[in-house]
Amino acid sequence: VLAYFLTVASALILHGLLVYPTLLRVLAGVNPLVFLRKMREPMLVAFSTSSSGATLPVTLRTVEHRIGVNNSVASFAVPLGATINMDGTAIYLGLIALFAAQATGIDLTAMHYFMVALTATLVSIGAAGIPSAGLLLAATVLEVIGIGPEQSVLVIAFIFPFDRLLDMMRTVTNISGDAAVACAVGKWDGNLDESV
């Protein structure tokens, strides 16, 4: 379980420190370090509440006023992202499936990996922006690799004690992605005030 926790935490950190900065630098021309510094307040709120929904006003205000994305883009991209852009949750669900397969001795094929990635992505799109919503969706992803409801309960019981801390980290990943995408779209549309 410790290896599972460290794997999820590492994947979320790597996603936040590699994927988003690349998106910001290449597509938006934004310095990732400046972005992270300005996103400090929404990240702290996301970490403390584990809720993309509760963080939405802070994220929106920061993206508009501290990062410089015009309201016409920010007011569309950030709320939409809080609803469907759940990168952290998708990563989490995929790793739950891998953990469960290893714990139950299931050998995964290439098709299993593909189905886990697809299902985790699709299920995460519908995830509510509330604490522990991803944990409730885990059974759907586990079903893809042949884990029934009884085994799903056992897997979830094993990871439940660590879920809150991982949920806090997932939420930071999710809202950071929302803001990064808003920056990229703002740059494409000419609605990013680069002086800010």
N, C-alpha and C. Protein backbone atom coordinates (compact mmCIF):
# COMPACT_ATOMS: atom_id res chain seq x y z
N VAL A 1 0.83 -1.18 0.00
CA VAL A 1 0.00 0.00 0.00
C VAL A 1 0.88 1.26 0.00
N LEU A 2 2.00 1.19 0.69
CA LEU A 2 2.93 2.33 0.69
C LEU A 2 3.46 2.58 -0.72
N ALA A 3 3.80 1.51 -1.42
CA ALA A 3 4.28 1.67 -2.81
C ALA A 3 3.19 2.29 -3.68
N TYR A 4 1.95 1.90 -3.45
CA TYR A 4 0.82 2.49 -4.19
C TYR A 4 0.73 3.99 -3.91
N PHE A 5 0.78 4.35 -2.64
CA PHE A 5 0.69 5.75 -2.25
C PHE A 5 1.81 6.57 -2.89
N LEU A 6 3.03 6.07 -2.80
CA LEU A 6 4.18 6.79 -3.36
C LEU A 6 4.11 6.88 -4.88
N THR A 7 3.57 5.84 -5.51
CA THR A 7 3.42 5.86 -6.97
C THR A 7 2.41 6.91 -7.40
N VAL A 8 1.26 6.96 -6.72
CA VAL A 8 0.24 7.96 -7.07
C VAL A 8 0.78 9.36 -6.81
N ALA A 9 1.40 9.57 -5.66
CA ALA A 9 1.94 10.89 -5.33
C ALA A 9 3.00 11.31 -6.36
N SER A 10 3.89 10.39 -6.72
CA SER A 10 4.92 10.69 -7.71
C SER A 10 4.32 11.01 -9.07
N ALA A 11 3.33 10.23 -9.49
CA ALA A 11 2.69 10.47 -10.79
C ALA A 11 2.02 11.84 -10.83
N LEU A 12 1.34 12.21 -9.76
CA LEU A 12 0.68 13.51 -9.71
C LEU A 12 1.70 14.66 -9.73
N ILE A 13 2.77 14.50 -8.99
CA ILE A 13 3.81 15.53 -8.94
C ILE A 13 4.48 15.65 -10.31
N LEU A 14 4.82 14.52 -10.92
CA LEU A 14 5.45 14.55 -12.24
C LEU A 14 4.53 15.18 -13.29
N HIS A 15 3.25 14.85 -13.22
CA HIS A 15 2.29 15.42 -14.16
C HIS A 15 2.24 16.95 -13.99
N GLY A 16 2.19 17.37 -12.74
CA GLY A 16 2.12 18.80 -12.45
C GLY A 16 3.41 19.56 -12.75
N LEU A 17 4.55 18.88 -12.68
CA LEU A 17 5.82 19.56 -12.89
C LEU A 17 6.42 19.33 -14.27
N LEU A 18 5.83 18.44 -15.06
CA LEU A 18 6.33 18.20 -16.42
C LEU A 18 5.31 18.56 -17.49
N VAL A 19 4.11 18.02 -17.37
CA VAL A 19 3.10 18.21 -18.42
C VAL A 19 2.62 19.66 -18.46
N TYR A 20 2.19 20.20 -17.33
CA TYR A 20 1.66 21.57 -17.33
C TYR A 20 2.73 22.62 -17.67
N PRO A 21 3.94 22.53 -17.09
CA PRO A 21 4.96 23.50 -17.49
C PRO A 21 5.29 23.44 -18.99
N THR A 22 5.29 22.24 -19.56
CA THR A 22 5.53 22.12 -21.00
C THR A 22 4.41 22.79 -21.78
N LEU A 23 3.17 22.54 -21.36
CA LEU A 23 2.01 23.18 -21.99
C LEU A 23 2.12 24.70 -21.90
N LEU A 24 2.48 25.18 -20.73
CA LEU A 24 2.59 26.63 -20.52
C LEU A 24 3.71 27.24 -21.35
N ARG A 25 4.85 26.60 -21.36
CA ARG A 25 6.01 27.15 -22.06
C ARG A 25 5.81 27.08 -23.58
N VAL A 26 5.37 25.92 -24.09
CA VAL A 26 5.29 25.71 -25.54
C VAL A 26 4.06 26.38 -26.15
N LEU A 27 2.91 26.20 -25.53
CA LEU A 27 1.67 26.70 -26.14
C LEU A 27 1.30 28.12 -25.72
N ALA A 28 1.69 28.51 -24.52
CA ALA A 28 1.27 29.83 -24.04
C ALA A 28 2.43 30.82 -23.90
N GLY A 29 3.66 30.32 -23.95
CA GLY A 29 4.79 31.21 -23.78
C GLY A 29 4.88 31.80 -22.39
N VAL A 30 4.35 31.08 -21.41
CA VAL A 30 4.32 31.55 -20.02
C VAL A 30 5.42 30.84 -19.23
N ASN A 31 6.11 31.58 -18.40
CA ASN A 31 7.12 31.00 -17.52
C ASN A 31 6.42 30.15 -16.46
N PRO A 32 6.69 28.82 -16.44
CA PRO A 32 6.02 27.94 -15.48
C PRO A 32 6.26 28.31 -14.01
N LEU A 33 7.43 28.84 -13.70
CA LEU A 33 7.71 29.22 -12.31
C LEU A 33 6.87 30.41 -11.88
N VAL A 34 6.69 31.37 -12.76
CA VAL A 34 5.82 32.51 -12.46
C VAL A 34 4.39 32.02 -12.31
N PHE A 35 3.97 31.13 -13.20
CA PHE A 35 2.62 30.55 -13.13
C PHE A 35 2.40 29.87 -11.78
N LEU A 36 3.33 29.01 -11.37
CA LEU A 36 3.18 28.29 -10.10
C LEU A 36 3.14 29.25 -8.92
N ARG A 37 3.97 30.28 -8.96
CA ARG A 37 3.97 31.26 -7.86
C ARG A 37 2.62 31.98 -7.78
N LYS A 38 2.08 32.36 -8.92
CA LYS A 38 0.80 33.07 -8.91
C LYS A 38 -0.37 32.16 -8.59
N MET A 39 -0.21 30.85 -8.81
CA MET A 39 -1.28 29.89 -8.52
C MET A 39 -1.22 29.37 -7.08
N ARG A 40 -0.35 29.93 -6.27
CA ARG A 40 -0.18 29.44 -4.91
C ARG A 40 -1.49 29.43 -4.11
N GLU A 41 -2.24 30.52 -4.16
CA GLU A 41 -3.48 30.59 -3.37
C GLU A 41 -4.50 29.53 -3.80
N PRO A 42 -4.82 29.41 -5.10
CA PRO A 42 -5.76 28.35 -5.48
C PRO A 42 -5.25 26.95 -5.14
N MET A 43 -3.95 26.74 -5.25
CA MET A 43 -3.40 25.43 -4.92
C MET A 43 -3.56 25.11 -3.44
N LEU A 44 -3.35 26.12 -2.60
CA LEU A 44 -3.54 25.91 -1.16
C LEU A 44 -5.00 25.65 -0.82
N VAL A 45 -5.91 26.38 -1.46
CA VAL A 45 -7.34 26.15 -1.22
C VAL A 45 -7.72 24.76 -1.72
N ALA A 46 -7.22 24.38 -2.90
CA ALA A 46 -7.51 23.05 -3.44
C ALA A 46 -6.98 21.96 -2.52
N PHE A 47 -5.79 22.15 -2.02
CA PHE A 47 -5.18 21.15 -1.14
C PHE A 47 -5.96 21.02 0.16
N SER A 48 -6.40 22.14 0.70
CA SER A 48 -7.10 22.09 1.99
C SER A 48 -8.55 21.63 1.89
N THR A 49 -9.20 21.88 0.75
CA THR A 49 -10.61 21.50 0.63
C THR A 49 -10.84 20.21 -0.13
N SER A 50 -9.89 19.80 -0.96
CA SER A 50 -10.06 18.62 -1.83
C SER A 50 -11.25 18.76 -2.75
N SER A 51 -11.58 19.97 -3.13
CA SER A 51 -12.76 20.22 -3.94
C SER A 51 -12.48 21.23 -5.05
N SER A 52 -12.59 20.77 -6.29
CA SER A 52 -12.43 21.69 -7.42
C SER A 52 -13.54 22.72 -7.42
N GLY A 53 -14.73 22.29 -7.00
CA GLY A 53 -15.88 23.20 -6.95
C GLY A 53 -15.67 24.31 -5.94
N ALA A 54 -15.18 23.97 -4.76
CA ALA A 54 -14.95 24.98 -3.73
C ALA A 54 -13.81 25.92 -4.11
N THR A 55 -12.88 25.43 -4.90
CA THR A 55 -11.73 26.23 -5.31
C THR A 55 -12.03 27.11 -6.52
N LEU A 56 -13.10 26.83 -7.21
CA LEU A 56 -13.42 27.51 -8.47
C LEU A 56 -13.36 29.04 -8.39
N PRO A 57 -13.98 29.70 -7.41
CA PRO A 57 -13.92 31.17 -7.39
C PRO A 57 -12.49 31.70 -7.24
N VAL A 58 -11.69 31.03 -6.43
CA VAL A 58 -10.31 31.47 -6.21
C VAL A 58 -9.49 31.25 -7.48
N THR A 59 -9.68 30.11 -8.12
CA THR A 59 -8.96 29.80 -9.35
C THR A 59 -9.32 30.80 -10.43
N LEU A 60 -10.60 31.07 -10.58
CA LEU A 60 -11.07 32.00 -11.61
C LEU A 60 -10.51 33.40 -11.38
N ARG A 61 -10.56 33.87 -10.14
CA ARG A 61 -10.03 35.20 -9.82
C ARG A 61 -8.53 35.27 -10.10
N THR A 62 -7.81 34.22 -9.75
CA THR A 62 -6.37 34.19 -9.97
C THR A 62 -6.03 34.16 -11.45
N VAL A 63 -6.73 33.33 -12.21
CA VAL A 63 -6.45 33.22 -13.64
C VAL A 63 -6.71 34.56 -14.33
N GLU A 64 -7.75 35.25 -13.92
CA GLU A 64 -8.06 36.55 -14.54
C GLU A 64 -7.12 37.65 -14.08
N HIS A 65 -7.00 37.84 -12.78
CA HIS A 65 -6.32 39.01 -12.24
C HIS A 65 -4.82 38.85 -12.01
N ARG A 66 -4.38 37.66 -11.69
CA ARG A 66 -2.96 37.47 -11.39
C ARG A 66 -2.19 36.88 -12.56
N ILE A 67 -2.90 36.15 -13.46
CA ILE A 67 -2.23 35.54 -14.61
C ILE A 67 -2.51 36.32 -15.88
N GLY A 68 -3.65 37.02 -15.94
CA GLY A 68 -3.91 37.90 -17.06
C GLY A 68 -4.75 37.33 -18.19
N VAL A 69 -5.49 36.25 -17.92
CA VAL A 69 -6.38 35.70 -18.94
C VAL A 69 -7.67 36.51 -18.93
N ASN A 70 -8.10 36.95 -20.10
CA ASN A 70 -9.32 37.75 -20.22
C ASN A 70 -10.52 36.97 -19.69
N ASN A 71 -11.47 37.69 -19.11
CA ASN A 71 -12.67 37.08 -18.54
C ASN A 71 -13.43 36.24 -19.55
N SER A 72 -13.45 36.65 -20.82
CA SER A 72 -14.20 35.91 -21.83
C SER A 72 -13.68 34.48 -22.00
N VAL A 73 -12.39 34.28 -21.78
CA VAL A 73 -11.81 32.94 -21.86
C VAL A 73 -11.84 32.26 -20.49
N ALA A 74 -11.40 32.98 -19.46
CA ALA A 74 -11.31 32.40 -18.12
C ALA A 74 -12.66 31.93 -17.60
N SER A 75 -13.70 32.73 -17.81
CA SER A 75 -15.02 32.37 -17.27
C SER A 75 -15.63 31.18 -17.99
N PHE A 76 -15.07 30.81 -19.14
CA PHE A 76 -15.53 29.60 -19.83
C PHE A 76 -14.61 28.42 -19.52
N ALA A 77 -13.29 28.62 -19.67
CA ALA A 77 -12.33 27.52 -19.55
C ALA A 77 -12.21 26.98 -18.12
N VAL A 78 -12.16 27.86 -17.14
CA VAL A 78 -11.93 27.39 -15.77
C VAL A 78 -13.14 26.60 -15.22
N PRO A 79 -14.38 27.09 -15.32
CA PRO A 79 -15.51 26.27 -14.84
C PRO A 79 -15.69 24.97 -15.63
N LEU A 80 -15.44 25.04 -16.95
CA LEU A 80 -15.53 23.82 -17.75
C LEU A 80 -14.47 22.82 -17.30
N GLY A 81 -13.27 23.33 -17.05
CA GLY A 81 -12.21 22.46 -16.57
C GLY A 81 -12.51 21.86 -15.21
N ALA A 82 -13.13 22.65 -14.33
CA ALA A 82 -13.48 22.14 -13.00
C ALA A 82 -14.52 21.02 -13.10
N THR A 83 -15.23 20.97 -14.21
CA THR A 83 -16.23 19.93 -14.42
C THR A 83 -15.67 18.71 -15.14
N ILE A 84 -14.88 18.93 -16.19
CA ILE A 84 -14.45 17.78 -17.00
C ILE A 84 -12.95 17.54 -17.05
N ASN A 85 -12.12 18.46 -16.64
CA ASN A 85 -10.67 18.27 -16.72
C ASN A 85 -10.18 17.72 -15.39
N MET A 86 -10.23 16.42 -15.25
CA MET A 86 -9.83 15.78 -14.00
C MET A 86 -8.62 14.87 -14.23
N ASP A 87 -7.50 15.47 -14.64
CA ASP A 87 -6.29 14.70 -14.91
C ASP A 87 -5.84 13.90 -13.68
N GLY A 88 -5.84 14.55 -12.55
CA GLY A 88 -5.40 13.88 -11.32
C GLY A 88 -6.27 12.69 -10.99
N THR A 89 -7.56 12.82 -11.20
CA THR A 89 -8.48 11.71 -10.92
C THR A 89 -8.26 10.57 -11.90
N ALA A 90 -8.02 10.88 -13.17
CA ALA A 90 -7.77 9.84 -14.17
C ALA A 90 -6.50 9.06 -13.83
N ILE A 91 -5.45 9.78 -13.44
CA ILE A 91 -4.20 9.12 -13.03
C ILE A 91 -4.46 8.22 -11.84
N TYR A 92 -5.17 8.74 -10.87
CA TYR A 92 -5.49 8.01 -9.64
C TYR A 92 -6.26 6.73 -9.94
N LEU A 93 -7.30 6.83 -10.77
CA LEU A 93 -8.12 5.66 -11.09
C LEU A 93 -7.32 4.60 -11.83
N GLY A 94 -6.46 5.04 -12.75
CA GLY A 94 -5.63 4.08 -13.47
C GLY A 94 -4.68 3.35 -12.54
N LEU A 95 -4.11 4.06 -11.59
CA LEU A 95 -3.18 3.43 -10.66
C LEU A 95 -3.88 2.55 -9.64
N ILE A 96 -5.13 2.87 -9.31
CA ILE A 96 -5.91 1.95 -8.46
C ILE A 96 -6.08 0.62 -9.17
N ALA A 97 -6.38 0.66 -10.47
CA ALA A 97 -6.56 -0.58 -11.24
C ALA A 97 -5.26 -1.39 -11.28
N LEU A 98 -4.13 -0.71 -11.46
CA LEU A 98 -2.85 -1.43 -11.48
C LEU A 98 -2.54 -2.03 -10.11
N PHE A 99 -2.80 -1.28 -9.06
CA PHE A 99 -2.60 -1.78 -7.70
C PHE A 99 -3.49 -3.01 -7.45
N ALA A 100 -4.75 -2.91 -7.83
CA ALA A 100 -5.69 -4.01 -7.62
C ALA A 100 -5.28 -5.25 -8.41
N ALA A 101 -4.82 -5.05 -9.64
CA ALA A 101 -4.38 -6.19 -10.45
C ALA A 101 -3.19 -6.89 -9.80
N GLN A 102 -2.24 -6.11 -9.31
CA GLN A 102 -1.09 -6.71 -8.64
C GLN A 102 -1.49 -7.39 -7.34
N ALA A 103 -2.38 -6.76 -6.59
CA ALA A 103 -2.80 -7.32 -5.30
C ALA A 103 -3.61 -8.61 -5.46
N THR A 104 -4.34 -8.73 -6.56
CA THR A 104 -5.18 -9.92 -6.76
C THR A 104 -4.57 -10.92 -7.73
N GLY A 105 -3.38 -10.64 -8.25
CA GLY A 105 -2.69 -11.58 -9.12
C GLY A 105 -3.22 -11.65 -10.55
N ILE A 106 -3.84 -10.57 -11.01
CA ILE A 106 -4.35 -10.53 -12.38
C ILE A 106 -3.23 -10.06 -13.31
N ASP A 107 -2.97 -10.84 -14.37
CA ASP A 107 -2.00 -10.42 -15.38
C ASP A 107 -2.73 -9.57 -16.40
N LEU A 108 -2.26 -8.35 -16.55
CA LEU A 108 -2.90 -7.42 -17.48
C LEU A 108 -2.29 -7.52 -18.87
N THR A 109 -3.15 -7.52 -19.87
CA THR A 109 -2.71 -7.52 -21.26
C THR A 109 -2.67 -6.08 -21.76
N ALA A 110 -2.17 -5.91 -22.97
CA ALA A 110 -2.14 -4.57 -23.58
C ALA A 110 -3.56 -4.03 -23.69
N MET A 111 -4.53 -4.88 -23.99
CA MET A 111 -5.92 -4.46 -24.10
C MET A 111 -6.45 -4.00 -22.75
N HIS A 112 -6.06 -4.68 -21.67
CA HIS A 112 -6.46 -4.25 -20.33
C HIS A 112 -5.94 -2.84 -20.04
N TYR A 113 -4.66 -2.61 -20.36
CA TYR A 113 -4.08 -1.29 -20.12
C TYR A 113 -4.83 -0.22 -20.91
N PHE A 114 -5.12 -0.53 -22.15
CA PHE A 114 -5.85 0.42 -22.99
C PHE A 114 -7.23 0.70 -22.40
N MET A 115 -7.93 -0.35 -21.99
CA MET A 115 -9.28 -0.18 -21.43
C MET A 115 -9.25 0.56 -20.09
N VAL A 116 -8.24 0.29 -19.29
CA VAL A 116 -8.10 1.01 -18.01
C VAL A 116 -7.89 2.50 -18.29
N ALA A 117 -6.99 2.82 -19.22
CA ALA A 117 -6.71 4.23 -19.54
C ALA A 117 -7.97 4.90 -20.09
N LEU A 118 -8.65 4.23 -20.99
CA LEU A 118 -9.87 4.80 -21.58
C LEU A 118 -10.96 4.98 -20.53
N THR A 119 -11.20 3.95 -19.74
CA THR A 119 -12.26 4.01 -18.73
C THR A 119 -11.94 5.04 -17.65
N ALA A 120 -10.69 5.08 -17.20
CA ALA A 120 -10.31 6.06 -16.17
C ALA A 120 -10.50 7.48 -16.68
N THR A 121 -10.15 7.70 -17.95
CA THR A 121 -10.31 9.04 -18.52
C THR A 121 -11.79 9.41 -18.63
N LEU A 122 -12.58 8.49 -19.16
CA LEU A 122 -14.02 8.78 -19.34
C LEU A 122 -14.75 8.93 -18.01
N VAL A 123 -14.44 8.07 -17.06
CA VAL A 123 -15.10 8.14 -15.75
C VAL A 123 -14.69 9.42 -15.02
N SER A 124 -13.43 9.82 -15.17
CA SER A 124 -12.97 11.03 -14.47
C SER A 124 -13.66 12.28 -15.00
N ILE A 125 -14.05 12.25 -16.27
CA ILE A 125 -14.76 13.41 -16.84
C ILE A 125 -16.07 13.65 -16.09
N GLY A 126 -16.71 12.59 -15.66
CA GLY A 126 -17.97 12.73 -14.95
C GLY A 126 -17.83 12.84 -13.45
N ALA A 127 -16.59 12.89 -12.95
CA ALA A 127 -16.37 12.94 -11.50
C ALA A 127 -16.83 14.28 -10.94
N ALA A 128 -17.49 14.22 -9.83
CA ALA A 128 -17.91 15.44 -9.15
C ALA A 128 -16.69 16.11 -8.52
N GLY A 129 -16.71 17.42 -8.46
CA GLY A 129 -15.59 18.17 -7.88
C GLY A 129 -15.69 18.28 -6.38
N ILE A 130 -15.95 17.15 -5.73
CA ILE A 130 -16.09 17.10 -4.28
C ILE A 130 -15.09 16.10 -3.71
N PRO A 131 -14.79 16.17 -2.42
CA PRO A 131 -13.82 15.26 -1.83
C PRO A 131 -14.21 13.78 -2.01
N SER A 132 -13.22 12.97 -2.34
CA SER A 132 -13.32 11.52 -2.47
C SER A 132 -14.24 11.04 -3.58
N ALA A 133 -14.61 11.88 -4.52
CA ALA A 133 -15.47 11.45 -5.62
C ALA A 133 -14.78 10.38 -6.46
N GLY A 134 -13.47 10.52 -6.65
CA GLY A 134 -12.73 9.54 -7.45
C GLY A 134 -12.76 8.16 -6.84
N LEU A 135 -12.75 8.08 -5.53
CA LEU A 135 -12.77 6.78 -4.86
C LEU A 135 -14.06 6.04 -5.17
N LEU A 136 -15.15 6.78 -5.28
CA LEU A 136 -16.43 6.15 -5.58
C LEU A 136 -16.50 5.62 -7.00
N LEU A 137 -15.69 6.15 -7.89
CA LEU A 137 -15.68 5.73 -9.29
C LEU A 137 -14.72 4.58 -9.55
N ALA A 138 -13.94 4.22 -8.55
CA ALA A 138 -12.92 3.19 -8.73
C ALA A 138 -13.52 1.84 -9.13
N ALA A 139 -14.67 1.49 -8.61
CA ALA A 139 -15.28 0.20 -8.93
C ALA A 139 -15.54 0.04 -10.42
N THR A 140 -15.87 1.14 -11.09
CA THR A 140 -16.11 1.09 -12.54
C THR A 140 -14.84 0.71 -13.28
N VAL A 141 -13.72 1.30 -12.89
CA VAL A 141 -12.45 0.99 -13.54
C VAL A 141 -11.99 -0.41 -13.17
N LEU A 142 -12.22 -0.82 -11.94
CA LEU A 142 -11.80 -2.15 -11.52
C LEU A 142 -12.58 -3.24 -12.26
N GLU A 143 -13.79 -2.96 -12.61
CA GLU A 143 -14.61 -3.92 -13.34
C GLU A 143 -14.00 -4.24 -14.71
N VAL A 144 -13.32 -3.28 -15.31
CA VAL A 144 -12.70 -3.45 -16.62
C VAL A 144 -11.64 -4.56 -16.60
N ILE A 145 -10.95 -4.72 -15.47
CA ILE A 145 -9.91 -5.75 -15.40
C ILE A 145 -10.42 -7.03 -14.74
N GLY A 146 -11.71 -7.13 -14.55
CA GLY A 146 -12.30 -8.36 -14.04
C GLY A 146 -12.43 -8.46 -12.54
N ILE A 147 -12.37 -7.35 -11.85
CA ILE A 147 -12.52 -7.37 -10.39
C ILE A 147 -13.98 -7.09 -10.07
N GLY A 148 -14.59 -8.02 -9.37
CA GLY A 148 -16.01 -7.91 -9.03
C GLY A 148 -16.26 -6.97 -7.87
N PRO A 149 -17.53 -6.77 -7.55
CA PRO A 149 -17.90 -5.83 -6.48
C PRO A 149 -17.30 -6.18 -5.12
N GLU A 150 -17.24 -7.47 -4.77
CA GLU A 150 -16.71 -7.86 -3.47
C GLU A 150 -15.23 -7.53 -3.36
N GLN A 151 -14.47 -7.85 -4.42
CA GLN A 151 -13.04 -7.54 -4.41
C GLN A 151 -12.82 -6.03 -4.47
N SER A 152 -13.68 -5.32 -5.18
CA SER A 152 -13.56 -3.85 -5.25
C SER A 152 -13.66 -3.23 -3.87
N VAL A 153 -14.58 -3.74 -3.07
CA VAL A 153 -14.74 -3.23 -1.71
C VAL A 153 -13.46 -3.44 -0.91
N LEU A 154 -12.84 -4.60 -1.07
CA LEU A 154 -11.59 -4.88 -0.35
C LEU A 154 -10.46 -3.95 -0.80
N VAL A 155 -10.35 -3.76 -2.11
CA VAL A 155 -9.30 -2.88 -2.63
C VAL A 155 -9.51 -1.46 -2.11
N ILE A 156 -10.74 -0.99 -2.19
CA ILE A 156 -11.04 0.37 -1.74
C ILE A 156 -10.80 0.51 -0.23
N ALA A 157 -11.11 -0.55 0.52
CA ALA A 157 -10.86 -0.52 1.97
C ALA A 157 -9.37 -0.39 2.28
N PHE A 158 -8.54 -1.04 1.47
CA PHE A 158 -7.10 -0.94 1.68
C PHE A 158 -6.58 0.46 1.41
N ILE A 159 -7.11 1.11 0.38
CA ILE A 159 -6.56 2.42 0.02
C ILE A 159 -7.29 3.58 0.69
N PHE A 160 -8.42 3.31 1.31
CA PHE A 160 -9.22 4.37 1.92
C PHE A 160 -8.46 5.22 2.95
N PRO A 161 -7.63 4.61 3.81
CA PRO A 161 -6.93 5.45 4.82
C PRO A 161 -6.03 6.52 4.20
N PHE A 162 -5.56 6.30 2.97
CA PHE A 162 -4.66 7.25 2.32
C PHE A 162 -5.40 8.16 1.35
N ASP A 163 -6.69 7.93 1.15
CA ASP A 163 -7.40 8.63 0.09
C ASP A 163 -7.46 10.13 0.31
N ARG A 164 -7.62 10.59 1.51
CA ARG A 164 -7.78 12.03 1.73
C ARG A 164 -6.54 12.80 1.29
N LEU A 165 -5.38 12.33 1.68
CA LEU A 165 -4.16 13.03 1.29
C LEU A 165 -3.97 12.96 -0.23
N LEU A 166 -4.24 11.82 -0.83
CA LEU A 166 -4.13 11.70 -2.29
C LEU A 166 -5.19 12.56 -2.98
N ASP A 167 -6.35 12.67 -2.37
CA ASP A 167 -7.41 13.51 -2.94
C ASP A 167 -6.99 14.97 -2.93
N MET A 168 -6.32 15.39 -1.88
CA MET A 168 -5.83 16.76 -1.80
C MET A 168 -4.84 17.03 -2.94
N MET A 169 -3.97 16.06 -3.19
CA MET A 169 -2.98 16.20 -4.25
C MET A 169 -3.64 16.16 -5.63
N ARG A 170 -4.63 15.30 -5.79
CA ARG A 170 -5.36 15.22 -7.07
C ARG A 170 -6.04 16.53 -7.39
N THR A 171 -6.63 17.15 -6.40
CA THR A 171 -7.34 18.40 -6.61
C THR A 171 -6.38 19.51 -7.04
N VAL A 172 -5.20 19.56 -6.44
CA VAL A 172 -4.20 20.54 -6.86
C VAL A 172 -3.83 20.31 -8.32
N THR A 173 -3.65 19.06 -8.70
CA THR A 173 -3.33 18.72 -10.10
C THR A 173 -4.47 19.16 -11.01
N ASN A 174 -5.69 18.87 -10.62
CA ASN A 174 -6.84 19.21 -11.45
C ASN A 174 -6.98 20.72 -11.69
N ILE A 175 -6.90 21.50 -10.64
CA ILE A 175 -7.11 22.95 -10.81
C ILE A 175 -5.92 23.62 -11.50
N SER A 176 -4.74 23.05 -11.33
CA SER A 176 -3.57 23.57 -12.04
C SER A 176 -3.74 23.36 -13.54
N GLY A 177 -4.29 22.21 -13.91
CA GLY A 177 -4.57 21.94 -15.31
C GLY A 177 -5.60 22.89 -15.88
N ASP A 178 -6.62 23.19 -15.11
CA ASP A 178 -7.66 24.14 -15.55
C ASP A 178 -7.04 25.49 -15.87
N ALA A 179 -6.18 25.96 -14.98
CA ALA A 179 -5.55 27.27 -15.16
C ALA A 179 -4.57 27.25 -16.33
N ALA A 180 -3.81 26.16 -16.47
CA ALA A 180 -2.84 26.07 -17.56
C ALA A 180 -3.55 26.06 -18.92
N VAL A 181 -4.64 25.33 -19.01
CA VAL A 181 -5.40 25.30 -20.26
C VAL A 181 -6.00 26.68 -20.56
N ALA A 182 -6.50 27.35 -19.53
CA ALA A 182 -7.04 28.71 -19.73
C ALA A 182 -5.96 29.64 -20.27
N CYS A 183 -4.74 29.50 -19.78
CA CYS A 183 -3.62 30.31 -20.29
C CYS A 183 -3.35 30.00 -21.76
N ALA A 184 -3.31 28.72 -22.09
CA ALA A 184 -3.03 28.33 -23.48
C ALA A 184 -4.11 28.84 -24.42
N VAL A 185 -5.37 28.68 -24.03
CA VAL A 185 -6.48 29.15 -24.86
C VAL A 185 -6.44 30.67 -24.96
N GLY A 186 -6.16 31.33 -23.84
CA GLY A 186 -6.05 32.79 -23.86
C GLY A 186 -4.98 33.27 -24.81
N LYS A 187 -3.84 32.57 -24.83
CA LYS A 187 -2.75 32.93 -25.74
C LYS A 187 -3.18 32.75 -27.20
N TRP A 188 -3.83 31.62 -27.50
CA TRP A 188 -4.28 31.33 -28.87
C TRP A 188 -5.25 32.38 -29.36
N ASP A 189 -6.15 32.80 -28.46
CA ASP A 189 -7.20 33.75 -28.84
C ASP A 189 -6.77 35.22 -28.73
N GLY A 190 -5.57 35.45 -28.27
CA GLY A 190 -5.13 36.83 -28.07
C GLY A 190 -5.76 37.46 -26.84
N ASN A 191 -6.16 36.63 -25.90
CA ASN A 191 -6.82 37.11 -24.67
C ASN A 191 -5.97 36.87 -23.43
N LEU A 192 -4.66 36.87 -23.60
CA LEU A 192 -3.74 36.73 -22.48
C LEU A 192 -2.90 37.99 -22.39
N ASP A 193 -3.06 38.71 -21.30
CA ASP A 193 -2.28 39.93 -21.08
C ASP A 193 -0.91 39.51 -20.56
N GLU A 194 0.06 39.46 -21.45
CA GLU A 194 1.37 38.95 -21.08
C GLU A 194 2.13 39.87 -20.14
N SER A 195 1.70 41.11 -20.01
CA SER A 195 2.36 42.02 -19.07
C SER A 195 2.00 41.62 -17.63
N VAL A 196 0.84 41.01 -17.44
CA VAL A 196 0.44 40.54 -16.12
C VAL A 196 1.24 39.32 -15.76
